[in-house]
PDB file of N, CA and C in Angstrom:
ATOM      1  N   UNK A   1       3.382  10.098  11.821  1.00  0.00           N
ATOM      2  CA  UNK A   1       4.679   9.670  12.301  1.00  0.00           C
ATOM      3  C   UNK A   1       4.674   9.748  13.820  1.00  0.00           C
ATOM      4  N   UNK A   2       5.138   8.687  14.470  1.00  0.00           N
ATOM      5  CA  UNK A   2       5.163   8.627  15.923  1.00  0.00           C
ATOM      6  C   UNK A   2       6.457   9.248  16.422  1.00  0.00           C
ATOM      7  N   UNK A   3       6.447  10.556  16.578  1.00  0.00           N
ATOM      8  CA  UNK A   3       7.646  11.229  17.066  1.00  0.00           C
ATOM      9  C   UNK A   3       7.649  11.343  18.589  1.00  0.00           C
ATOM     10  N   UNK A   4       6.669  10.752  19.243  1.00  0.00           N
ATOM     11  CA  UNK A   4       6.553  10.879  20.694  1.00  0.00           C
ATOM     12  C   UNK A   4       7.260   9.740  21.437  1.00  0.00           C
ATOM     13  N   UNK A   5       7.284   8.528  20.883  1.00  0.00           N
ATOM     14  CA  UNK A   5       7.884   7.379  21.554  1.00  0.00           C
ATOM     15  C   UNK A   5       9.380   7.603  21.712  1.00  0.00           C
ATOM     16  N   UNK A   6       9.794   7.933  22.916  1.00  0.00           N
ATOM     17  CA  UNK A   6      11.191   8.284  23.163  1.00  0.00           C
ATOM     18  C   UNK A   6      12.102   7.084  23.372  1.00  0.00           C
ATOM     19  N   UNK A   7      11.552   5.863  23.353  1.00  0.00           N
ATOM     20  CA  UNK A   7      12.381   4.672  23.499  1.00  0.00           C
ATOM     21  C   UNK A   7      13.042   4.276  22.188  1.00  0.00           C
ATOM     22  N   UNK A   8      12.622   4.890  21.103  1.00  0.00           N
ATOM     23  CA  UNK A   8      13.140   4.573  19.779  1.00  0.00           C
ATOM     24  C   UNK A   8      13.865   5.810  19.256  1.00  0.00           C
ATOM     25  N   UNK A   9      15.078   5.640  18.678  1.00  0.00           N
ATOM     26  CA  UNK A   9      15.787   6.803  18.139  1.00  0.00           C
ATOM     27  C   UNK A   9      14.941   7.540  17.099  1.00  0.00           C
ATOM     28  N   UNK A  10      15.127   8.835  17.004  1.00  0.00           N
ATOM     29  CA  UNK A  10      14.324   9.664  16.107  1.00  0.00           C
ATOM     30  C   UNK A  10      14.430   9.185  14.663  1.00  0.00           C
ATOM     31  N   UNK A  11      15.645   8.856  14.200  1.00  0.00           N
ATOM     32  CA  UNK A  11      15.784   8.429  12.805  1.00  0.00           C
ATOM     33  C   UNK A  11      14.971   7.167  12.537  1.00  0.00           C
ATOM     34  N   UNK A  12      14.895   6.258  13.522  1.00  0.00           N
ATOM     35  CA  UNK A  12      14.122   5.029  13.364  1.00  0.00           C
ATOM     36  C   UNK A  12      12.629   5.332  13.346  1.00  0.00           C
ATOM     37  N   UNK A  13      12.201   6.313  14.134  1.00  0.00           N
ATOM     38  CA  UNK A  13      10.790   6.714  14.132  1.00  0.00           C
ATOM     39  C   UNK A  13      10.401   7.320  12.790  1.00  0.00           C
ATOM     40  N   UNK A  14      11.314   8.063  12.201  1.00  0.00           N
ATOM     41  CA  UNK A  14      11.058   8.640  10.880  1.00  0.00           C
ATOM     42  C   UNK A  14      10.896   7.518   9.858  1.00  0.00           C
ATOM     43  N   UNK A  15      11.810   6.564   9.878  1.00  0.00           N
ATOM     44  CA  UNK A  15      11.726   5.431   8.954  1.00  0.00           C
ATOM     45  C   UNK A  15      10.424   4.659   9.153  1.00  0.00           C
ATOM     46  N   UNK A  16      10.048   4.394  10.402  1.00  0.00           N
ATOM     47  CA  UNK A  16       8.812   3.664  10.684  1.00  0.00           C
ATOM     48  C   UNK A  16       7.582   4.452  10.256  1.00  0.00           C
ATOM     49  N   UNK A  17       7.630   5.763  10.441  1.00  0.00           N
ATOM     50  CA  UNK A  17       6.511   6.600  10.018  1.00  0.00           C
ATOM     51  C   UNK A  17       6.297   6.544   8.518  1.00  0.00           C
ATOM     52  N   UNK A  18       7.383   6.546   7.772  1.00  0.00           N
ATOM     53  CA  UNK A  18       7.286   6.439   6.314  1.00  0.00           C
ATOM     54  C   UNK A  18       6.788   5.058   5.925  1.00  0.00           C
ATOM     55  N   UNK A  19       7.289   4.032   6.593  1.00  0.00           N
ATOM     56  CA  UNK A  19       6.804   2.672   6.325  1.00  0.00           C
ATOM     57  C   UNK A  19       5.303   2.563   6.582  1.00  0.00           C
ATOM     58  N   UNK A  20       4.849   3.142   7.689  1.00  0.00           N
ATOM     59  CA  UNK A  20       3.412   3.126   8.002  1.00  0.00           C
ATOM     60  C   UNK A  20       2.606   3.831   6.917  1.00  0.00           C
ATOM     61  N   UNK A  21       3.128   4.954   6.425  1.00  0.00           N
ATOM     62  CA  UNK A  21       2.431   5.701   5.368  1.00  0.00           C
ATOM     63  C   UNK A  21       2.344   4.877   4.087  1.00  0.00           C
ATOM     64  N   UNK A  22       3.374   4.112   3.806  1.00  0.00           N
ATOM     65  CA  UNK A  22       3.362   3.250   2.613  1.00  0.00           C
ATOM     66  C   UNK A  22       2.348   2.125   2.797  1.00  0.00           C
ATOM     67  N   UNK A  23       2.378   1.479   3.951  1.00  0.00           N
ATOM     68  CA  UNK A  23       1.448   0.369   4.200  1.00  0.00           C
ATOM     69  C   UNK A  23      -0.004   0.823   4.241  1.00  0.00           C
ATOM     70  N   UNK A  24      -0.248   2.019   4.733  1.00  0.00           N
ATOM     71  CA  UNK A  24      -1.625   2.511   4.816  1.00  0.00           C
ATOM     72  C   UNK A  24      -2.137   3.032   3.476  1.00  0.00           C
ATOM     73  N   UNK A  25      -1.225   3.195   2.520  1.00  0.00           N
ATOM     74  CA  UNK A  25      -1.626   3.699   1.213  1.00  0.00           C
ATOM     75  C   UNK A  25      -1.530   5.208   1.093  1.00  0.00           C
ATOM     76  N   UNK A  26      -1.102   5.882   2.153  1.00  0.00           N
ATOM     77  CA  UNK A  26      -0.917   7.330   2.071  1.00  0.00           C
ATOM     78  C   UNK A  26       0.221   7.684   1.111  1.00  0.00           C
ATOM     79  N   UNK A  27       1.210   6.793   1.026  1.00  0.00           N
ATOM     80  CA  UNK A  27       2.292   6.911   0.050  1.00  0.00           C
ATOM     81  C   UNK A  27       2.224   5.695  -0.858  1.00  0.00           C
ATOM     82  N   UNK A  28       2.129   5.924  -2.144  1.00  0.00           N
ATOM     83  CA  UNK A  28       2.005   4.841  -3.123  1.00  0.00           C
ATOM     84  C   UNK A  28       3.372   4.525  -3.740  1.00  0.00           C
ATOM     85  N   UNK A  29       3.516   3.311  -4.238  1.00  0.00           N
ATOM     86  CA  UNK A  29       4.735   2.936  -4.941  1.00  0.00           C
ATOM     87  C   UNK A  29       4.917   3.872  -6.131  1.00  0.00           C
ATOM     88  N   UNK A  30       6.131   4.380  -6.282  1.00  0.00           N
ATOM     89  CA  UNK A  30       6.440   5.315  -7.350  1.00  0.00           C
ATOM     90  C   UNK A  30       6.220   6.770  -6.966  1.00  0.00           C
ATOM     91  N   UNK A  31       5.582   7.006  -5.836  1.00  0.00           N
ATOM     92  CA  UNK A  31       5.276   8.367  -5.391  1.00  0.00           C
ATOM     93  C   UNK A  31       6.474   8.983  -4.675  1.00  0.00           C
ATOM     94  N   UNK A  32       6.622  10.292  -4.826  1.00  0.00           N
ATOM     95  CA  UNK A  32       7.718  11.011  -4.196  1.00  0.00           C
ATOM     96  C   UNK A  32       7.437  11.258  -2.718  1.00  0.00           C
ATOM     97  N   UNK A  33       8.459  11.071  -1.891  1.00  0.00           N
ATOM     98  CA  UNK A  33       8.362  11.363  -0.466  1.00  0.00           C
ATOM     99  C   UNK A  33       8.430  12.867  -0.250  1.00  0.00           C
ATOM    100  N   UNK A  34       7.905  13.314   0.867  1.00  0.00           N
ATOM    101  CA  UNK A  34       8.086  14.695   1.293  1.00  0.00           C
ATOM    102  C   UNK A  34       9.581  14.932   1.441  1.00  0.00           C
ATOM    103  N   UNK A  35      10.051  16.102   1.074  1.00  0.00           N
ATOM    104  CA  UNK A  35      11.490  16.380   1.143  1.00  0.00           C
ATOM    105  C   UNK A  35      11.988  16.283   2.582  1.00  0.00           C
ATOM    106  N   UNK A  36      13.242  15.894   2.705  1.00  0.00           N
ATOM    107  CA  UNK A  36      13.836  15.779   4.038  1.00  0.00           C
ATOM    108  C   UNK A  36      13.896  17.143   4.719  1.00  0.00           C
ATOM    109  N   UNK A  37      14.081  18.188   3.929  1.00  0.00           N
ATOM    110  CA  UNK A  37      14.095  19.542   4.492  1.00  0.00           C
ATOM    111  C   UNK A  37      12.746  19.880   5.106  1.00  0.00           C
ATOM    112  N   UNK A  38      11.672  19.563   4.390  1.00  0.00           N
ATOM    113  CA  UNK A  38      10.330  19.857   4.893  1.00  0.00           C
ATOM    114  C   UNK A  38      10.038  19.050   6.159  1.00  0.00           C
ATOM    115  N   UNK A  39      10.425  17.769   6.169  1.00  0.00           N
ATOM    116  CA  UNK A  39      10.216  16.925   7.358  1.00  0.00           C
ATOM    117  C   UNK A  39      10.984  17.507   8.546  1.00  0.00           C
ATOM    118  N   UNK A  40      12.236  17.899   8.310  1.00  0.00           N
ATOM    119  CA  UNK A  40      13.050  18.431   9.418  1.00  0.00           C
ATOM    120  C   UNK A  40      12.451  19.718   9.976  1.00  0.00           C
ATOM    121  N   UNK A  41      11.919  20.563   9.110  1.00  0.00           N
ATOM    122  CA  UNK A  41      11.299  21.809   9.581  1.00  0.00           C
ATOM    123  C   UNK A  41       9.978  21.527  10.295  1.00  0.00           C
ATOM    124  N   UNK A  42       9.165  20.625   9.716  1.00  0.00           N
ATOM    125  CA  UNK A  42       7.850  20.332  10.297  1.00  0.00           C
ATOM    126  C   UNK A  42       7.964  19.763  11.705  1.00  0.00           C
ATOM    127  N   UNK A  43       8.922  18.858  11.917  1.00  0.00           N
ATOM    128  CA  UNK A  43       9.060  18.207  13.218  1.00  0.00           C
ATOM    129  C   UNK A  43      10.187  18.807  14.072  1.00  0.00           C
ATOM    130  N   UNK A  44      10.827  19.868  13.537  1.00  0.00           N
ATOM    131  CA  UNK A  44      11.933  20.524  14.230  1.00  0.00           C
ATOM    132  C   UNK A  44      13.016  19.517  14.618  1.00  0.00           C
ATOM    133  N   UNK A  45      13.446  18.789  13.592  1.00  0.00           N
ATOM    134  CA  UNK A  45      14.462  17.743  13.741  1.00  0.00           C
ATOM    135  C   UNK A  45      15.631  18.115  12.836  1.00  0.00           C
ATOM    136  N   UNK A  46      16.824  17.806  13.266  1.00  0.00           N
ATOM    137  CA  UNK A  46      18.015  18.037  12.451  1.00  0.00           C
ATOM    138  C   UNK A  46      17.887  17.281  11.134  1.00  0.00           C
ATOM    139  N   UNK A  47      18.234  17.922  10.030  1.00  0.00           N
ATOM    140  CA  UNK A  47      18.104  17.298   8.710  1.00  0.00           C
ATOM    141  C   UNK A  47      18.977  16.041   8.587  1.00  0.00           C
ATOM    142  N   UNK A  48      20.115  16.002   9.285  1.00  0.00           N
ATOM    143  CA  UNK A  48      20.971  14.811   9.251  1.00  0.00           C
ATOM    144  C   UNK A  48      20.242  13.605   9.851  1.00  0.00           C
ATOM    145  N   UNK A  49      19.428  13.847  10.862  1.00  0.00           N
ATOM    146  CA  UNK A  49      18.639  12.782  11.482  1.00  0.00           C
ATOM    147  C   UNK A  49      17.580  12.277  10.515  1.00  0.00           C
ATOM    148  N   UNK A  50      16.924  13.198   9.827  1.00  0.00           N
ATOM    149  CA  UNK A  50      15.923  12.819   8.838  1.00  0.00           C
ATOM    150  C   UNK A  50      16.586  12.015   7.720  1.00  0.00           C
ATOM    151  N   UNK A  51      17.724  12.495   7.240  1.00  0.00           N
ATOM    152  CA  UNK A  51      18.444  11.777   6.182  1.00  0.00           C
ATOM    153  C   UNK A  51      18.845  10.377   6.626  1.00  0.00           C
ATOM    154  N   UNK A  52      19.241  10.233   7.881  1.00  0.00           N
ATOM    155  CA  UNK A  52      19.608   8.913   8.396  1.00  0.00           C
ATOM    156  C   UNK A  52      18.410   7.970   8.360  1.00  0.00           C
ATOM    157  N   UNK A  53      17.231   8.471   8.740  1.00  0.00           N
ATOM    158  CA  UNK A  53      16.020   7.655   8.688  1.00  0.00           C
ATOM    159  C   UNK A  53      15.666   7.246   7.275  1.00  0.00           C
ATOM    160  N   UNK A  54      15.770   8.172   6.343  1.00  0.00           N
ATOM    161  CA  UNK A  54      15.469   7.870   4.938  1.00  0.00           C
ATOM    162  C   UNK A  54      16.510   6.909   4.370  1.00  0.00           C
ATOM    163  N   UNK A  55      17.765   7.085   4.744  1.00  0.00           N
ATOM    164  CA  UNK A  55      18.819   6.198   4.248  1.00  0.00           C
ATOM    165  C   UNK A  55      18.640   4.758   4.717  1.00  0.00           C
ATOM    166  N   UNK A  56      18.036   4.575   5.884  1.00  0.00           N
ATOM    167  CA  UNK A  56      17.699   3.225   6.344  1.00  0.00           C
ATOM    168  C   UNK A  56      16.748   2.578   5.334  1.00  0.00           C
ATOM    169  N   UNK A  57      15.773   3.352   4.868  1.00  0.00           N
ATOM    170  CA  UNK A  57      14.792   2.843   3.899  1.00  0.00           C
ATOM    171  C   UNK A  57      15.431   2.578   2.540  1.00  0.00           C
ATOM    172  N   UNK A  58      16.407   3.386   2.170  1.00  0.00           N
ATOM    173  CA  UNK A  58      17.139   3.151   0.920  1.00  0.00           C
ATOM    174  C   UNK A  58      17.883   1.822   1.024  1.00  0.00           C
ATOM    175  N   UNK A  59      18.564   1.614   2.143  1.00  0.00           N
ATOM    176  CA  UNK A  59      19.324   0.375   2.343  1.00  0.00           C
ATOM    177  C   UNK A  59      18.418  -0.857   2.323  1.00  0.00           C
ATOM    178  N   UNK A  60      17.172  -0.699   2.773  1.00  0.00           N
ATOM    179  CA  UNK A  60      16.217  -1.812   2.790  1.00  0.00           C
ATOM    180  C   UNK A  60      15.503  -1.983   1.451  1.00  0.00           C
ATOM    181  N   UNK A  61      15.735  -1.063   0.509  1.00  0.00           N
ATOM    182  CA  UNK A  61      15.086  -1.145  -0.787  1.00  0.00           C
ATOM    183  C   UNK A  61      13.636  -0.687  -0.780  1.00  0.00           C
ATOM    184  N   UNK A  62      13.264   0.082   0.224  1.00  0.00           N
ATOM    185  CA  UNK A  62      11.898   0.583   0.349  1.00  0.00           C
ATOM    186  C   UNK A  62      11.726   1.876  -0.446  1.00  0.00           C
ATOM    187  N   UNK A  63      12.749   2.706  -0.455  1.00  0.00           N
ATOM    188  CA  UNK A  63      12.728   3.938  -1.245  1.00  0.00           C
ATOM    189  C   UNK A  63      14.019   4.014  -2.065  1.00  0.00           C
ATOM    190  N   UNK A  64      13.993   4.857  -3.085  1.00  0.00           N
ATOM    191  CA  UNK A  64      15.188   5.080  -3.894  1.00  0.00           C
ATOM    192  C   UNK A  64      15.291   6.557  -4.230  1.00  0.00           C
ATOM    193  N   UNK A  65      16.509   6.961  -4.565  1.00  0.00           N
ATOM    194  CA  UNK A  65      16.766   8.371  -4.850  1.00  0.00           C
ATOM    195  C   UNK A  65      16.879   8.592  -6.346  1.00  0.00           C
ATOM    196  N   UNK A  66      16.187   9.622  -6.822  1.00  0.00           N
ATOM    197  CA  UNK A  66      16.386  10.117  -8.181  1.00  0.00           C
ATOM    198  C   UNK A  66      17.222  11.377  -8.026  1.00  0.00           C
ATOM    199  N   UNK A  67      18.443  11.297  -8.456  1.00  0.00           N
ATOM    200  CA  UNK A  67      19.401  12.384  -8.253  1.00  0.00           C
ATOM    201  C   UNK A  67      18.831  13.717  -8.741  1.00  0.00           C
ATOM    202  N   UNK A  68      18.872  14.702  -7.852  1.00  0.00           N
ATOM    203  CA  UNK A  68      18.416  16.036  -8.189  1.00  0.00           C
ATOM    204  C   UNK A  68      16.903  16.214  -8.131  1.00  0.00           C
ATOM    205  N   UNK A  69      16.171  15.131  -7.889  1.00  0.00           N
ATOM    206  CA  UNK A  69      14.704  15.214  -7.861  1.00  0.00           C
ATOM    207  C   UNK A  69      14.157  14.924  -6.472  1.00  0.00           C
ATOM    208  N   UNK A  70      14.608  13.815  -5.877  1.00  0.00           N
ATOM    209  CA  UNK A  70      14.132  13.465  -4.549  1.00  0.00           C
ATOM    210  C   UNK A  70      14.055  11.968  -4.332  1.00  0.00           C
ATOM    211  N   UNK A  71      13.372  11.592  -3.267  1.00  0.00           N
ATOM    212  CA  UNK A  71      13.228  10.184  -2.881  1.00  0.00           C
ATOM    213  C   UNK A  71      11.845   9.705  -3.282  1.00  0.00           C
ATOM    214  N   UNK A  72      11.782   8.445  -3.718  1.00  0.00           N
ATOM    215  CA  UNK A  72      10.541   7.854  -4.195  1.00  0.00           C
ATOM    216  C   UNK A  72      10.343   6.478  -3.580  1.00  0.00           C
ATOM    217  N   UNK A  73       9.080   6.082  -3.439  1.00  0.00           N
ATOM    218  CA  UNK A  73       8.752   4.752  -2.931  1.00  0.00           C
ATOM    219  C   UNK A  73       9.058   3.750  -4.037  1.00  0.00           C
ATOM    220  N   UNK A  74       9.802   2.719  -3.700  1.00  0.00           N
ATOM    221  CA  UNK A  74      10.215   1.705  -4.666  1.00  0.00           C
ATOM    222  C   UNK A  74       9.059   0.787  -5.044  1.00  0.00           C
ATOM    223  N   UNK A  75       9.106   0.286  -6.264  1.00  0.00           N
ATOM    224  CA  UNK A  75       8.147  -0.740  -6.680  1.00  0.00           C
ATOM    225  C   UNK A  75       8.398  -1.968  -5.804  1.00  0.00           C
ATOM    226  N   UNK A  76       7.349  -2.603  -5.339  1.00  0.00           N
ATOM    227  CA  UNK A  76       7.465  -3.781  -4.478  1.00  0.00           C
ATOM    228  C   UNK A  76       7.646  -3.455  -3.006  1.00  0.00           C
ATOM    229  N   UNK A  77       7.650  -2.162  -2.662  1.00  0.00           N
ATOM    230  CA  UNK A  77       7.860  -1.762  -1.267  1.00  0.00           C
ATOM    231  C   UNK A  77       6.768  -2.297  -0.354  1.00  0.00           C
ATOM    232  N   UNK A  78       5.522  -2.258  -0.814  1.00  0.00           N
ATOM    233  CA  UNK A  78       4.412  -2.733   0.017  1.00  0.00           C
ATOM    234  C   UNK A  78       4.590  -4.208   0.350  1.00  0.00           C
ATOM    235  N   UNK A  79       4.901  -5.012  -0.657  1.00  0.00           N
ATOM    236  CA  UNK A  79       5.100  -6.448  -0.425  1.00  0.00           C
ATOM    237  C   UNK A  79       6.257  -6.700   0.543  1.00  0.00           C
ATOM    238  N   UNK A  80       7.358  -5.955   0.394  1.00  0.00           N
ATOM    239  CA  UNK A  80       8.497  -6.104   1.317  1.00  0.00           C
ATOM    240  C   UNK A  80       8.085  -5.772   2.744  1.00  0.00           C
ATOM    241  N   UNK A  81       7.331  -4.678   2.890  1.00  0.00           N
ATOM    242  CA  UNK A  81       6.927  -4.257   4.231  1.00  0.00           C
ATOM    243  C   UNK A  81       5.952  -5.240   4.862  1.00  0.00           C
ATOM    244  N   UNK A  82       5.024  -5.762   4.068  1.00  0.00           N
ATOM    245  CA  UNK A  82       4.082  -6.754   4.595  1.00  0.00           C
ATOM    246  C   UNK A  82       4.841  -7.994   5.052  1.00  0.00           C
ATOM    247  N   UNK A  83       5.766  -8.454   4.237  1.00  0.00           N
ATOM    248  CA  UNK A  83       6.563  -9.639   4.603  1.00  0.00           C
ATOM    249  C   UNK A  83       7.343  -9.387   5.891  1.00  0.00           C
ATOM    250  N   UNK A  84       7.952  -8.223   5.984  1.00  0.00           N
ATOM    251  CA  UNK A  84       8.732  -7.853   7.171  1.00  0.00           C
ATOM    252  C   UNK A  84       7.853  -7.835   8.423  1.00  0.00           C
ATOM    253  N   UNK A  85       6.705  -7.202   8.329  1.00  0.00           N
ATOM    254  CA  UNK A  85       5.824  -7.075   9.491  1.00  0.00           C
ATOM    255  C   UNK A  85       5.163  -8.396   9.861  1.00  0.00           C
ATOM    256  N   UNK A  86       4.857  -9.218   8.868  1.00  0.00           N
ATOM    257  CA  UNK A  86       4.255 -10.522   9.178  1.00  0.00           C
ATOM    258  C   UNK A  86       5.209 -11.405   9.961  1.00  0.00           C
ATOM    259  N   UNK A  87       6.494 -11.266   9.709  1.00  0.00           N
ATOM    260  CA  UNK A  87       7.497 -12.061  10.430  1.00  0.00           C
ATOM    261  C   UNK A  87       7.475 -11.764  11.921  1.00  0.00           C
ATOM    262  N   UNK A  88       7.203 -10.532  12.282  1.00  0.00           N
ATOM    263  CA  UNK A  88       7.238 -10.157  13.698  1.00  0.00           C
ATOM    264  C   UNK A  88       5.859 -10.097  14.346  1.00  0.00           C
ATOM    265  N   UNK A  89       4.805 -10.156  13.556  1.00  0.00           N
ATOM    266  CA  UNK A  89       3.441 -10.005  14.073  1.00  0.00           C
ATOM    267  C   UNK A  89       3.117 -11.020  15.164  1.00  0.00           C
ATOM    268  N   UNK A  90       3.392 -12.292  14.893  1.00  0.00           N
ATOM    269  CA  UNK A  90       3.062 -13.353  15.854  1.00  0.00           C
ATOM    270  C   UNK A  90       3.772 -13.124  17.185  1.00  0.00           C
ATOM    271  N   UNK A  91       5.089 -12.910  17.116  1.00  0.00           N
ATOM    272  CA  UNK A  91       5.854 -12.739  18.347  1.00  0.00           C
ATOM    273  C   UNK A  91       5.480 -11.460  19.086  1.00  0.00           C
ATOM    274  N   UNK A  92       5.245 -10.388  18.345  1.00  0.00           N
ATOM    275  CA  UNK A  92       4.997  -9.093  18.963  1.00  0.00           C
ATOM    276  C   UNK A  92       3.591  -8.974  19.547  1.00  0.00           C
ATOM    277  N   UNK A  93       2.599  -9.582  18.883  1.00  0.00           N
ATOM    278  CA  UNK A  93       1.212  -9.364  19.293  1.00  0.00           C
ATOM    279  C   UNK A  93       0.485 -10.628  19.738  1.00  0.00           C
ATOM    280  N   UNK A  94       0.484 -11.635  18.916  1.00  0.00           N
ATOM    281  CA  UNK A  94      -0.349 -12.813  19.168  1.00  0.00           C
ATOM    282  C   UNK A  94       0.067 -13.542  20.446  1.00  0.00           C
ATOM    283  N   UNK A  95       1.351 -13.744  20.641  1.00  0.00           N
ATOM    284  CA  UNK A  95       1.825 -14.485  21.812  1.00  0.00           C
ATOM    285  C   UNK A  95       1.354 -13.804  23.098  1.00  0.00           C
ATOM    286  N   UNK A  96       1.531 -12.488  23.205  1.00  0.00           N
ATOM    287  CA  UNK A  96       1.133 -11.801  24.440  1.00  0.00           C
ATOM    288  C   UNK A  96      -0.387 -11.793  24.613  1.00  0.00           C
ATOM    289  N   UNK A  97      -1.118 -11.670  23.531  1.00  0.00           N
ATOM    290  CA  UNK A  97      -2.585 -11.719  23.615  1.00  0.00           C
ATOM    291  C   UNK A  97      -3.038 -13.087  24.117  1.00  0.00           C
ATOM    292  N   UNK A  98      -2.456 -14.134  23.572  1.00  0.00           N
ATOM    293  CA  UNK A  98      -2.861 -15.481  23.983  1.00  0.00           C
ATOM    294  C   UNK A  98      -2.461 -15.792  25.423  1.00  0.00           C
ATOM    295  N   UNK A  99      -1.339 -15.271  25.851  1.00  0.00           N
ATOM    296  CA  UNK A  99      -0.947 -15.457  27.252  1.00  0.00           C
ATOM    297  C   UNK A  99      -1.982 -14.822  28.183  1.00  0.00           C
ATOM    298  N   UNK A 100      -2.415 -13.620  27.852  1.00  0.00           N
ATOM    299  CA  UNK A 100      -3.435 -12.942  28.669  1.00  0.00           C
ATOM    300  C   UNK A 100      -4.768 -13.670  28.564  1.00  0.00           C
ATOM    301  N   UNK A 101      -5.116 -14.146  27.374  1.00  0.00           N
ATOM    302  CA  UNK A 101      -6.371 -14.884  27.191  1.00  0.00           C
ATOM    303  C   UNK A 101      -6.387 -16.146  28.052  1.00  0.00           C
ATOM    304  N   UNK A 102      -5.270 -16.825  28.160  1.00  0.00           N
ATOM    305  CA  UNK A 102      -5.186 -18.022  29.012  1.00  0.00           C
ATOM    306  C   UNK A 102      -5.396 -17.659  30.481  1.00  0.00           C
ATOM    307  N   UNK A 103      -4.781 -16.549  30.904  1.00  0.00           N
ATOM    308  CA  UNK A 103      -4.950 -16.114  32.296  1.00  0.00           C
ATOM    309  C   UNK A 103      -6.412 -15.784  32.585  1.00  0.00           C
ATOM    310  N   UNK A 104      -7.116 -15.281  31.581  1.00  0.00           N
ATOM    311  CA  UNK A 104      -8.531 -14.927  31.740  1.00  0.00           C
ATOM    312  C   UNK A 104      -9.464 -16.095  31.436  1.00  0.00           C
ATOM    313  N   UNK A 105      -8.869 -17.233  31.125  1.00  0.00           N
ATOM    314  CA  UNK A 105      -9.584 -18.488  30.865  1.00  0.00           C
ATOM    315  C   UNK A 105     -10.554 -18.402  29.682  1.00  0.00           C
ATOM    316  N   UNK A 106     -10.123 -17.705  28.642  1.00  0.00           N
ATOM    317  CA  UNK A 106     -10.894 -17.697  27.400  1.00  0.00           C
ATOM    318  C   UNK A 106     -10.631 -18.997  26.651  1.00  0.00           C
ATOM    319  N   UNK A 107     -11.663 -19.532  26.033  1.00  0.00           N
ATOM    320  CA  UNK A 107     -11.492 -20.705  25.175  1.00  0.00           C
ATOM    321  C   UNK A 107     -11.116 -20.234  23.773  1.00  0.00           C
ATOM    322  N   UNK A 108     -10.657 -21.158  22.949  1.00  0.00           N
ATOM    323  CA  UNK A 108     -10.351 -20.843  21.554  1.00  0.00           C
ATOM    324  C   UNK A 108     -11.604 -20.321  20.862  1.00  0.00           C
ATOM    325  N   UNK A 109     -12.737 -20.909  21.183  1.00  0.00           N
ATOM    326  CA  UNK A 109     -14.005 -20.473  20.584  1.00  0.00           C
ATOM    327  C   UNK A 109     -14.339 -19.039  20.985  1.00  0.00           C
ATOM    328  N   UNK A 110     -14.101 -18.703  22.265  1.00  0.00           N
ATOM    329  CA  UNK A 110     -14.319 -17.329  22.720  1.00  0.00           C
ATOM    330  C   UNK A 110     -13.460 -16.351  21.913  1.00  0.00           C
ATOM    331  N   UNK A 111     -12.202 -16.708  21.722  1.00  0.00           N
ATOM    332  CA  UNK A 111     -11.283 -15.851  20.982  1.00  0.00           C
ATOM    333  C   UNK A 111     -11.705 -15.714  19.525  1.00  0.00           C
ATOM    334  N   UNK A 112     -12.125 -16.824  18.920  1.00  0.00           N
ATOM    335  CA  UNK A 112     -12.583 -16.773  17.528  1.00  0.00           C
ATOM    336  C   UNK A 112     -13.797 -15.860  17.392  1.00  0.00           C
ATOM    337  N   UNK A 113     -14.700 -15.940  18.353  1.00  0.00           N
ATOM    338  CA  UNK A 113     -15.892 -15.095  18.317  1.00  0.00           C
ATOM    339  C   UNK A 113     -15.509 -13.624  18.453  1.00  0.00           C
ATOM    340  N   UNK A 114     -14.581 -13.315  19.373  1.00  0.00           N
ATOM    341  CA  UNK A 114     -14.141 -11.929  19.542  1.00  0.00           C
ATOM    342  C   UNK A 114     -13.486 -11.406  18.272  1.00  0.00           C
ATOM    343  N   UNK A 115     -12.650 -12.218  17.660  1.00  0.00           N
ATOM    344  CA  UNK A 115     -11.988 -11.802  16.419  1.00  0.00           C
ATOM    345  C   UNK A 115     -13.027 -11.551  15.341  1.00  0.00           C
ATOM    346  N   UNK A 116     -13.999 -12.446  15.215  1.00  0.00           N
ATOM    347  CA  UNK A 116     -15.041 -12.288  14.199  1.00  0.00           C
ATOM    348  C   UNK A 116     -15.847 -11.010  14.419  1.00  0.00           C
ATOM    349  N   UNK A 117     -16.073 -10.636  15.676  1.00  0.00           N
ATOM    350  CA  UNK A 117     -16.829  -9.424  15.988  1.00  0.00           C
ATOM    351  C   UNK A 117     -16.048  -8.154  15.641  1.00  0.00           C
ATOM    352  N   UNK A 118     -14.746  -8.214  15.828  1.00  0.00           N
ATOM    353  CA  UNK A 118     -13.922  -7.023  15.690  1.00  0.00           C
ATOM    354  C   UNK A 118     -13.312  -6.876  14.298  1.00  0.00           C
ATOM    355  N   UNK A 119     -12.884  -7.980  13.722  1.00  0.00           N
ATOM    356  CA  UNK A 119     -12.145  -7.934  12.457  1.00  0.00           C
ATOM    357  C   UNK A 119     -13.073  -7.739  11.286  1.00  0.00           C
ATOM    358  N   UNK A 120     -12.881  -6.635  10.594  1.00  0.00           N
ATOM    359  CA  UNK A 120     -13.658  -6.332   9.397  1.00  0.00           C
ATOM    360  C   UNK A 120     -12.667  -6.112   8.259  1.00  0.00           C
ATOM    361  N   UNK A 121     -12.442  -7.142   7.428  1.00  0.00           N
ATOM    362  CA  UNK A 121     -11.469  -6.977   6.353  1.00  0.00           C
ATOM    363  C   UNK A 121     -11.881  -5.859   5.392  1.00  0.00           C
ATOM    364  N   UNK A 122     -10.852  -5.157   4.889  1.00  0.00           N
ATOM    365  CA  UNK A 122     -11.109  -4.097   3.915  1.00  0.00           C
ATOM    366  C   UNK A 122     -11.526  -4.729   2.593  1.00  0.00           C
ATOM    367  N   UNK A 123     -12.467  -4.095   1.947  1.00  0.00           N
ATOM    368  CA  UNK A 123     -12.913  -4.591   0.642  1.00  0.00           C
ATOM    369  C   UNK A 123     -12.115  -3.895  -0.433  1.00  0.00           C
ATOM    370  N   UNK A 124     -11.641  -4.688  -1.395  1.00  0.00           N
ATOM    371  CA  UNK A 124     -10.844  -4.125  -2.501  1.00  0.00           C
ATOM    372  C   UNK A 124     -11.720  -3.439  -3.517  1.00  0.00           C
TER     373      UNK A 124
END
């Protein structure tokens, strides 16, 4: 969890950290989240702040609450998160990379070669 980036509210960092854990496979669909009490103690954060971050994920349908048991990763959460992140990927990363590549006078072929050298898809 990126609790260091101070430009983002703490509750949003908590939500993003959980999303990252789901996308990376550290948290699986159907798996129980660490309790909000444990998160608040581990990061020395007010429990209300942790709850606010988790509630954002509930509202987005990423996690759900089992009353008296805890919070769990929802079925389909990975697909929702991938769709969400793909929508912003181009604007957030590709556009700025290509702007810099143009300034450095890289050709499309140069960029394709660099991507091929660096990108190693995960094998299922």
